[in-house]
Amino acid sequence: MLLEKYSIGVGDRFGHQGVAQLRALKRAKDLGVNVVPVWNKSNREHMIIGTRPSDTRRAADEAVRGSEWKDSYYVDADHIGLKTVDPFLECSNFFTLDVADFIGMEADRSTMESFMRSMGPMCGSVRISGIPTPLAVNEKDLHAFASKYLLAVKEAGKIYRHISNGRANQDFVVEISTDEASEPQSPMELYLILAAIAEERIPIQTIAPKFTGKFLKGIDYVGDVVQFAKEFEEDLHVIAHAVNAFGLPRNLKLSVHSGSDKFSLYQLIHRAISGTHAGLHLKTAGTTWLEELIGIALSGAAGLDVAKVIYQKAYERIDELSKPYETVIAIDRQRLPSPREVSAWDSVRYVGALRHDQSNRSFNPHLRQLLHVGFKVAAEMGDKYLHLLETASEIVGQNVTDNLFRRHISPIFLGRS
């Protein structure tokens, strides 16, 4: 199973927007670019909402049938480890191996010594096309790398083999995530990570490294865009080199996690992948839920009332809702409007605060982040929320399609601002 050159993680918290998401991908294909969908939903999100991995598979299959989608599609067991992967084995064909907890933990002595022996020949100067300065690797660098990343790669190997055995040799796509490390990986570290992955015999097809700056949920990139562009392009060159040097899958590509709404980076990413003919996987999961909320607020008085209640309860439960996402949000509570203030808003004012349009003076990135992590409130409404999704399906779907195509697919994969 070979993942296509361009793919996009189209997470769908409540499993209702598959057809709308596929409409956006069909538009891209009509314009000559094939981007395949990967429906991703983590164990954490299933636990919060009360769904199962089989629900995601069913929703994806139904959307594909309903849209007459003829190309590949995938269902991602997002951010799984050995303790959480088993419920995903039968219904997923894409597995994002999350080894963040093992980064920085040192492997045992014999594992370290074995790694140092096997990787010893890599010491020296490594020239990588596209990177002006050769990578210099010495024994001290190798030991420092192994102390930080070796145990994480070994854990990825355990997870991969567990999945392979559990799926009875059915094909699947493997992604490895190192984006939750404390610091960005240098070109040398990424090079050595890929070498260690190859030694572990993991047929990785995408890797999500840690980049400089902050990739917060549902808002634009926070950081030095020039530095990001440099790191991103260097990573592309390292991957191209590693594919040949280590015999990794030829379609190996970068994955950008929490990639939704990183508008200031999209043109940079497009130029980099176009210039190198590289592939890309982008995860945009949470913004689908926000587009649902926008559509509901625009659907009429009943929908607007529910949208206001969701904000009120999220505001009251901010500590609880923020805790699982505390490393990927930055909410300034002083800049959140009070529920009383929001209760007086009309739909235009509510949507203006929530929709990610930085030209709109009403836009409030802190409110947007709070509602981004507030989907648990909607889940607790049960059928009341799901019924609204059905009754407002047309306007909700329009928002989902427009957001995915115009704000994400078009600038990244088509190069259109």
Protein backbone atom coordinates (compact mmCIF):
# COMPACT_ATOMS: atom_id res chain seq x y z
CA MET A 1 0.00 0.00 0.00
CA LEU A 2 1.74 3.14 -1.23
CA LEU A 3 0.45 6.48 -0.01
CA GLU A 4 0.07 8.97 -2.82
CA LYS A 5 2.33 12.00 -3.24
CA TYR A 6 -0.15 14.45 -1.70
CA SER A 7 -2.42 13.55 1.19
CA ILE A 8 -4.40 15.48 3.75
CA GLY A 9 -5.64 14.49 7.18
CA VAL A 10 -9.32 15.37 7.22
CA GLY A 11 -10.30 14.53 10.76
CA ASP A 12 -14.01 14.63 11.48
CA ARG A 13 -14.86 14.68 15.18
CA PHE A 14 -18.51 13.65 14.69
CA GLY A 15 -18.23 11.69 11.44
CA HIS A 16 -20.73 13.75 9.43
CA GLN A 17 -18.60 15.76 6.97
CA GLY A 18 -17.00 13.16 4.73
CA VAL A 19 -19.03 14.07 1.65
CA ALA A 20 -18.28 17.77 2.11
CA GLN A 21 -14.57 17.03 2.53
CA LEU A 22 -14.49 14.89 -0.60
CA ARG A 23 -16.14 17.71 -2.58
CA ALA A 24 -13.08 19.84 -1.82
CA LEU A 25 -10.72 17.09 -2.96
CA LYS A 26 -12.73 16.59 -6.15
CA ARG A 27 -12.32 20.28 -6.93
CA ALA A 28 -8.56 19.91 -6.60
CA LYS A 29 -8.57 16.90 -8.90
CA ASP A 30 -10.64 18.79 -11.48
CA LEU A 31 -7.82 21.36 -11.45
CA GLY A 32 -5.18 18.71 -12.02
CA VAL A 33 -3.92 17.89 -8.52
CA ASN A 34 -4.70 14.60 -6.80
CA VAL A 35 -4.85 14.89 -3.00
CA VAL A 36 -6.09 11.83 -1.14
CA PRO A 37 -8.02 11.95 2.14
CA VAL A 38 -6.85 10.42 5.40
CA TRP A 39 -9.56 10.44 8.06
CA ASN A 40 -7.69 10.73 11.32
CA LYS A 41 -9.03 10.48 14.85
CA SER A 42 -6.96 9.75 17.92
CA ASN A 43 -7.74 7.47 20.82
CA ARG A 44 -8.01 10.58 22.99
CA GLU A 45 -10.70 12.05 20.74
CA HIS A 46 -12.63 8.77 20.68
CA MET A 47 -12.53 8.68 24.48
CA ILE A 48 -13.73 12.29 24.79
CA ILE A 49 -16.57 11.90 22.31
CA GLY A 50 -17.56 8.33 23.18
CA THR A 51 -16.97 6.87 19.70
CA ARG A 52 -14.96 3.87 18.49
CA PRO A 53 -12.41 3.49 15.69
CA SER A 54 -14.97 1.44 13.75
CA ASP A 55 -17.23 4.53 13.68
CA THR A 56 -14.55 6.46 11.78
CA ARG A 57 -14.13 3.64 9.28
CA ARG A 58 -17.88 3.41 8.76
CA ALA A 59 -18.25 7.17 8.23
CA ALA A 60 -15.35 7.22 5.75
CA ASP A 61 -16.72 4.27 3.79
CA GLU A 62 -20.19 5.81 3.63
CA ALA A 63 -18.82 9.15 2.44
CA VAL A 64 -16.79 7.45 -0.29
CA ARG A 65 -19.83 5.52 -1.50
CA GLY A 66 -22.06 8.58 -1.31
CA SER A 67 -19.59 10.69 -3.25
CA GLU A 68 -18.58 8.03 -5.76
CA TRP A 69 -14.96 8.71 -4.84
CA LYS A 70 -12.80 6.52 -7.08
CA ASP A 71 -9.33 7.14 -5.67
CA SER A 72 -7.57 5.85 -2.57
CA TYR A 73 -8.59 6.87 0.91
CA TYR A 74 -7.25 6.02 4.33
CA VAL A 75 -8.33 5.81 7.96
CA ASP A 76 -5.59 6.85 10.38
CA ALA A 77 -5.12 5.51 13.89
CA ASP A 78 -3.76 8.86 14.96
CA HIS A 79 -1.12 9.18 17.67
CA ILE A 80 -1.29 5.60 18.90
CA GLY A 81 1.08 3.55 21.02
CA LEU A 82 1.20 -0.05 22.19
CA LYS A 83 -1.36 0.62 24.91
CA THR A 84 -3.95 2.16 22.59
CA VAL A 85 -3.50 0.57 19.15
CA ASP A 86 -5.51 -2.68 19.40
CA PRO A 87 -9.02 -1.22 18.82
CA PHE A 88 -7.71 0.34 15.58
CA LEU A 89 -6.18 -2.78 14.06
CA GLU A 90 -9.16 -4.04 12.07
CA CYS A 91 -10.53 -0.72 10.83
CA SER A 92 -7.45 1.44 10.11
CA ASN A 93 -5.00 1.24 7.22
CA PHE A 94 -2.81 4.17 8.29
CA PHE A 95 -1.05 4.27 11.66
CA THR A 96 0.64 7.32 13.16
CA LEU A 97 3.11 5.96 15.70
CA ASP A 98 3.51 8.42 18.56
CA VAL A 99 6.72 7.86 20.49
CA ALA A 100 6.91 11.28 22.14
CA ASP A 101 6.99 9.81 25.66
CA PHE A 102 10.19 7.94 24.82
CA ILE A 103 12.14 10.87 23.39
CA GLY A 104 14.85 11.82 25.87
CA MET A 105 14.78 8.43 27.64
CA GLU A 106 18.03 6.49 27.33
CA ALA A 107 18.02 2.88 26.13
CA ASP A 108 19.77 0.19 28.14
CA ARG A 109 23.52 -0.21 27.86
CA SER A 110 23.57 -3.22 25.52
CA THR A 111 21.10 -1.57 23.10
CA MET A 112 23.19 1.60 23.09
CA GLU A 113 26.41 -0.34 22.47
CA SER A 114 24.85 -2.34 19.65
CA PHE A 115 23.58 0.86 18.01
CA MET A 116 26.98 2.56 18.30
CA ARG A 117 28.66 -0.43 16.64
CA SER A 118 26.18 -0.65 13.77
CA MET A 119 26.16 3.11 13.15
CA GLY A 120 29.89 3.63 13.62
CA PRO A 121 30.57 3.65 9.85
CA MET A 122 28.30 6.70 9.54
CA CYS A 123 30.75 8.88 11.41
CA GLY A 124 32.41 11.44 9.19
CA SER A 125 31.25 14.07 6.73
CA VAL A 126 27.95 13.54 4.89
CA ARG A 127 27.18 15.65 1.84
CA ILE A 128 23.50 16.10 1.11
CA SER A 129 22.39 17.72 -2.13
CA GLY A 130 20.62 21.01 -1.42
CA ILE A 131 22.33 21.60 1.93
CA PRO A 132 25.48 23.72 1.45
CA THR A 133 27.32 22.60 4.58
CA PRO A 134 28.15 18.89 4.95
CA LEU A 135 26.72 17.14 8.00
CA ALA A 136 29.52 16.28 10.39
CA VAL A 137 28.84 13.17 12.49
CA ASN A 138 31.29 12.02 15.15
CA GLU A 139 31.07 9.41 17.89
CA LYS A 140 30.03 12.00 20.48
CA ASP A 141 27.18 13.18 18.23
CA LEU A 142 26.10 9.60 17.67
CA HIS A 143 26.01 8.87 21.40
CA ALA A 144 24.07 12.09 22.11
CA PHE A 145 21.57 11.19 19.42
CA ALA A 146 21.17 7.64 20.72
CA SER A 147 20.62 8.90 24.26
CA LYS A 148 17.78 11.10 23.06
CA TYR A 149 16.07 9.21 20.21
CA LEU A 150 17.14 5.55 20.10
CA LEU A 151 14.60 4.28 22.63
CA ALA A 152 11.84 6.15 20.79
CA VAL A 153 12.77 4.50 17.48
CA LYS A 154 12.95 1.10 19.17
CA GLU A 155 9.46 1.68 20.56
CA ALA A 156 8.24 2.58 17.08
CA GLY A 157 9.62 -0.76 15.92
CA LYS A 158 7.67 -2.59 18.62
CA ILE A 159 4.45 -0.81 17.67
CA TYR A 160 4.99 -1.47 13.96
CA ARG A 161 5.57 -5.20 14.48
CA HIS A 162 2.56 -5.43 16.79
CA ILE A 163 0.37 -3.84 14.10
CA SER A 164 1.82 -6.04 11.38
CA ASN A 165 1.14 -9.19 13.38
CA GLY A 166 -2.32 -8.01 14.41
CA ARG A 167 -3.37 -7.21 10.86
CA ALA A 168 -2.34 -10.63 9.53
CA ASN A 169 -0.10 -9.09 6.86
CA GLN A 170 -2.73 -6.71 5.49
CA ASP A 171 -1.01 -3.68 3.99
CA PHE A 172 -0.99 -0.36 5.83
CA VAL A 173 0.77 3.00 5.84
CA VAL A 174 3.19 3.91 8.65
CA GLU A 175 3.87 7.42 9.89
CA ILE A 176 6.20 8.23 12.77
CA SER A 177 5.69 11.36 14.81
CA THR A 178 8.58 13.12 16.55
CA ASP A 179 6.89 16.53 16.50
CA GLU A 180 6.36 16.59 20.26
CA ALA A 181 10.07 16.70 21.04
CA SER A 182 11.16 19.71 23.08
CA GLU A 183 13.33 21.14 20.27
CA PRO A 184 13.34 20.93 16.47
CA GLN A 185 15.42 18.12 15.01
CA SER A 186 18.54 19.32 13.23
CA PRO A 187 19.29 17.93 9.74
CA MET A 188 21.84 15.61 11.35
CA GLU A 189 19.29 14.35 13.91
CA LEU A 190 16.66 13.72 11.24
CA TYR A 191 19.27 11.91 9.14
CA LEU A 192 20.15 9.67 12.08
CA ILE A 193 16.47 9.13 13.00
CA LEU A 194 15.84 7.86 9.47
CA ALA A 195 18.94 5.67 9.65
CA ALA A 196 17.72 4.15 12.91
CA ILE A 197 14.22 3.64 11.46
CA ALA A 198 15.73 1.82 8.49
CA GLU A 199 17.79 -0.38 10.82
CA GLU A 200 14.57 -1.18 12.70
CA ARG A 201 13.06 -2.23 9.34
CA ILE A 202 10.04 0.05 9.60
CA PRO A 203 8.69 0.84 6.10
CA ILE A 204 7.90 4.42 7.02
CA GLN A 205 6.04 6.49 4.41
CA THR A 206 5.66 9.78 6.28
CA ILE A 207 7.51 11.41 9.16
CA ALA A 208 6.34 14.34 11.26
CA PRO A 209 9.39 16.13 12.68
CA LYS A 210 9.43 18.96 15.15
CA PHE A 211 9.78 22.35 13.46
CA THR A 212 10.77 25.65 14.98
CA GLY A 213 7.95 27.86 16.27
CA LYS A 214 4.53 26.98 17.66
CA PHE A 215 1.92 24.90 15.83
CA LEU A 216 -1.12 25.73 17.92
CA LYS A 217 -4.58 24.31 17.38
CA GLY A 218 -6.66 26.12 14.77
CA ILE A 219 -4.66 29.35 14.49
CA ASP A 220 -1.79 30.61 12.37
CA TYR A 221 1.85 29.72 12.87
CA VAL A 222 3.64 31.54 15.68
CA GLY A 223 7.35 31.93 15.01
CA ASP A 224 10.06 32.85 12.53
CA VAL A 225 8.76 31.97 9.06
CA VAL A 226 12.22 32.36 7.50
CA GLN A 227 13.69 29.85 9.92
CA PHE A 228 10.78 27.49 9.33
CA ALA A 229 11.30 27.66 5.56
CA LYS A 230 15.00 26.82 6.02
CA GLU A 231 14.24 23.84 8.27
CA PHE A 232 11.46 22.57 6.04
CA GLU A 233 13.61 22.64 2.90
CA GLU A 234 16.55 21.02 4.69
CA ASP A 235 14.26 18.24 5.91
CA LEU A 236 13.08 17.63 2.35
CA HIS A 237 16.70 17.25 1.20
CA VAL A 238 17.57 14.95 4.12
CA ILE A 239 14.61 12.70 3.31
CA ALA A 240 15.55 12.51 -0.38
CA HIS A 241 19.08 11.54 0.58
CA ALA A 242 18.01 9.02 3.25
CA VAL A 243 15.67 7.21 0.85
CA ASN A 244 18.66 6.30 -1.32
CA ALA A 245 21.20 5.88 1.45
CA PHE A 246 19.12 3.62 3.70
CA GLY A 247 16.72 1.92 1.29
CA LEU A 248 13.61 3.56 2.75
CA PRO A 249 10.35 3.65 0.73
CA ARG A 250 10.71 5.94 -2.26
CA ASN A 251 7.47 7.78 -1.46
CA LEU A 252 8.66 8.82 2.03
CA LYS A 253 7.52 12.39 2.69
CA LEU A 254 7.17 15.06 5.35
CA SER A 255 4.06 15.33 7.48
CA VAL A 256 3.01 18.60 9.13
CA HIS A 257 0.99 18.05 12.30
CA SER A 258 -1.46 20.65 13.60
CA GLY A 259 -1.06 22.02 10.10
CA SER A 260 -4.51 23.52 9.86
CA ASP A 261 -4.67 27.29 9.45
CA LYS A 262 -0.91 27.82 9.25
CA PHE A 263 -1.66 30.34 6.53
CA SER A 264 1.64 32.23 6.78
CA LEU A 265 3.50 29.00 5.92
CA TYR A 266 1.39 27.65 3.07
CA GLN A 267 3.05 29.51 0.21
CA LEU A 268 6.49 28.64 1.62
CA ILE A 269 5.52 24.98 1.80
CA HIS A 270 4.12 25.06 -1.73
CA ARG A 271 7.31 26.56 -3.16
CA ALA A 272 9.47 24.03 -1.32
CA ILE A 273 7.58 20.92 -2.41
CA SER A 274 7.19 22.25 -5.96
CA GLY A 275 10.87 23.06 -6.25
CA THR A 276 11.96 19.65 -5.00
CA HIS A 277 9.06 17.62 -6.47
CA ALA A 278 8.47 16.28 -2.95
CA GLY A 279 5.27 14.95 -1.48
CA LEU A 280 3.44 16.24 1.60
CA HIS A 281 1.00 15.05 4.23
CA LEU A 282 -0.89 17.77 6.12
CA LYS A 283 -3.16 17.25 9.13
CA THR A 284 -6.12 19.64 9.40
CA ALA A 285 -8.34 17.64 11.72
CA GLY A 286 -9.87 20.05 14.21
CA THR A 287 -11.05 22.76 11.86
CA THR A 288 -13.85 20.55 10.51
CA TRP A 289 -15.58 20.75 13.89
CA LEU A 290 -15.19 24.53 13.95
CA GLU A 291 -16.74 24.81 10.48
CA GLU A 292 -19.66 22.75 11.77
CA LEU A 293 -20.08 25.21 14.61
CA ILE A 294 -19.95 28.16 12.20
CA GLY A 295 -22.59 26.55 10.01
CA ILE A 296 -24.84 25.82 12.98
CA ALA A 297 -24.54 29.43 14.18
CA LEU A 298 -25.57 30.63 10.72
CA SER A 299 -28.45 28.16 10.36
CA GLY A 300 -31.03 30.04 12.40
CA ALA A 301 -32.03 31.04 15.92
CA ALA A 302 -31.98 27.50 17.33
CA GLY A 303 -28.52 26.83 15.96
CA LEU A 304 -27.15 30.14 17.21
CA ASP A 305 -28.53 29.42 20.69
CA VAL A 306 -26.75 26.07 20.77
CA ALA A 307 -23.50 27.67 19.56
CA LYS A 308 -23.74 30.20 22.39
CA VAL A 309 -24.38 27.47 24.97
CA ILE A 310 -21.33 25.57 23.73
CA TYR A 311 -19.21 28.67 24.23
CA GLN A 312 -20.68 29.33 27.68
CA LYS A 313 -19.97 25.80 28.90
CA ALA A 314 -16.52 25.75 27.33
CA TYR A 315 -15.74 29.05 29.06
CA GLU A 316 -16.87 27.60 32.41
CA ARG A 317 -14.87 24.38 31.90
CA ILE A 318 -11.77 25.87 30.34
CA ASP A 319 -9.32 24.12 32.68
CA GLU A 320 -10.80 20.69 32.05
CA LEU A 321 -11.06 21.11 28.29
CA SER A 322 -7.61 22.66 27.89
CA LYS A 323 -5.66 20.11 29.92
CA PRO A 324 -5.34 17.38 27.21
CA TYR A 325 -4.15 20.03 24.74
CA GLU A 326 -2.11 22.31 26.99
CA THR A 327 1.06 21.98 24.88
CA VAL A 328 -0.70 23.03 21.64
CA ILE A 329 -2.89 25.94 22.73
CA ALA A 330 -2.11 29.41 24.08
CA ILE A 331 -5.33 30.99 25.31
CA ASP A 332 -5.15 34.41 26.94
CA ARG A 333 -8.14 34.26 29.26
CA GLN A 334 -8.20 38.02 29.60
CA ARG A 335 -9.04 38.25 25.91
CA LEU A 336 -11.98 35.86 26.03
CA PRO A 337 -15.40 37.55 25.91
CA SER A 338 -17.70 36.68 28.78
CA PRO A 339 -20.62 34.32 28.10
CA ARG A 340 -22.93 37.20 28.94
CA GLU A 341 -21.37 39.29 26.19
CA VAL A 342 -21.58 36.42 23.69
CA SER A 343 -25.22 35.80 24.58
CA ALA A 344 -26.07 39.20 23.05
CA TRP A 345 -24.30 38.51 19.75
CA ASP A 346 -26.08 37.89 16.48
CA SER A 347 -24.84 35.18 14.11
CA VAL A 348 -22.63 37.61 12.15
CA ARG A 349 -20.82 38.67 15.32
CA TYR A 350 -20.43 35.09 16.58
CA VAL A 351 -19.10 33.82 13.26
CA GLY A 352 -16.84 36.87 12.89
CA ALA A 353 -15.16 36.01 16.20
CA LEU A 354 -14.80 32.32 15.37
CA ARG A 355 -13.99 32.11 11.65
CA HIS A 356 -10.26 32.36 10.94
CA ASP A 357 -10.32 35.55 8.88
CA GLN A 358 -7.55 37.78 10.15
CA SER A 359 -8.86 40.72 8.11
CA ASN A 360 -12.04 40.70 10.22
CA ARG A 361 -11.63 42.94 13.25
CA SER A 362 -14.02 40.69 15.19
CA PHE A 363 -11.80 37.61 14.84
CA ASN A 364 -10.65 36.33 18.23
CA PRO A 365 -7.96 33.61 18.14
CA HIS A 366 -8.42 32.91 21.86
CA LEU A 367 -12.12 32.22 21.47
CA ARG A 368 -11.30 30.06 18.46
CA GLN A 369 -8.78 27.98 20.41
CA LEU A 370 -11.20 27.52 23.29
CA LEU A 371 -13.95 26.29 20.99
CA HIS A 372 -11.41 24.14 19.15
CA VAL A 373 -10.89 22.08 22.33
CA GLY A 374 -14.53 22.46 23.36
CA PHE A 375 -15.94 19.70 21.15
CA LYS A 376 -16.54 17.64 24.30
CA VAL A 377 -19.40 20.00 25.16
CA ALA A 378 -21.07 19.31 21.82
CA ALA A 379 -20.50 15.58 22.26
CA GLU A 380 -22.28 15.68 25.61
CA MET A 381 -25.33 17.20 23.90
CA GLY A 382 -25.71 13.93 22.06
CA ASP A 383 -28.63 13.77 19.64
CA LYS A 384 -29.43 17.46 20.10
CA TYR A 385 -26.13 18.43 18.47
CA LEU A 386 -26.22 15.66 15.87
CA HIS A 387 -29.79 16.62 14.90
CA LEU A 388 -28.61 20.19 14.29
CA LEU A 389 -25.85 18.84 12.03
CA GLU A 390 -28.51 17.08 10.00
CA THR A 391 -30.93 20.00 9.78
CA ALA A 392 -28.15 22.47 8.95
CA SER A 393 -26.26 20.02 6.73
CA GLU A 394 -26.32 22.24 3.64
CA ILE A 395 -24.78 25.35 5.18
CA VAL A 396 -22.44 23.31 7.37
CA GLY A 397 -21.24 21.34 4.35
CA GLN A 398 -20.66 24.50 2.34
CA ASN A 399 -18.44 25.86 5.10
CA VAL A 400 -16.51 22.59 5.44
CA THR A 401 -15.88 22.34 1.70
CA ASP A 402 -14.91 25.99 1.31
CA ASN A 403 -12.57 25.92 4.30
CA LEU A 404 -10.78 22.77 3.17
CA PHE A 405 -10.45 23.76 -0.49
CA ARG A 406 -9.97 27.52 -0.46
CA ARG A 407 -7.98 27.97 2.75
CA HIS A 408 -5.91 24.77 2.73
CA ILE A 409 -5.75 22.73 -0.46
CA SER A 410 -5.61 25.67 -2.85
CA PRO A 411 -2.63 27.54 -1.35
CA ILE A 412 -0.63 24.43 -0.42
CA PHE A 413 -1.14 22.06 -3.32
CA LEU A 414 -2.23 24.44 -6.10
CA GLY A 415 -0.15 27.47 -5.12
CA ARG A 416 -3.15 29.78 -5.18
CA SER A 417 -3.53 32.39 -2.47
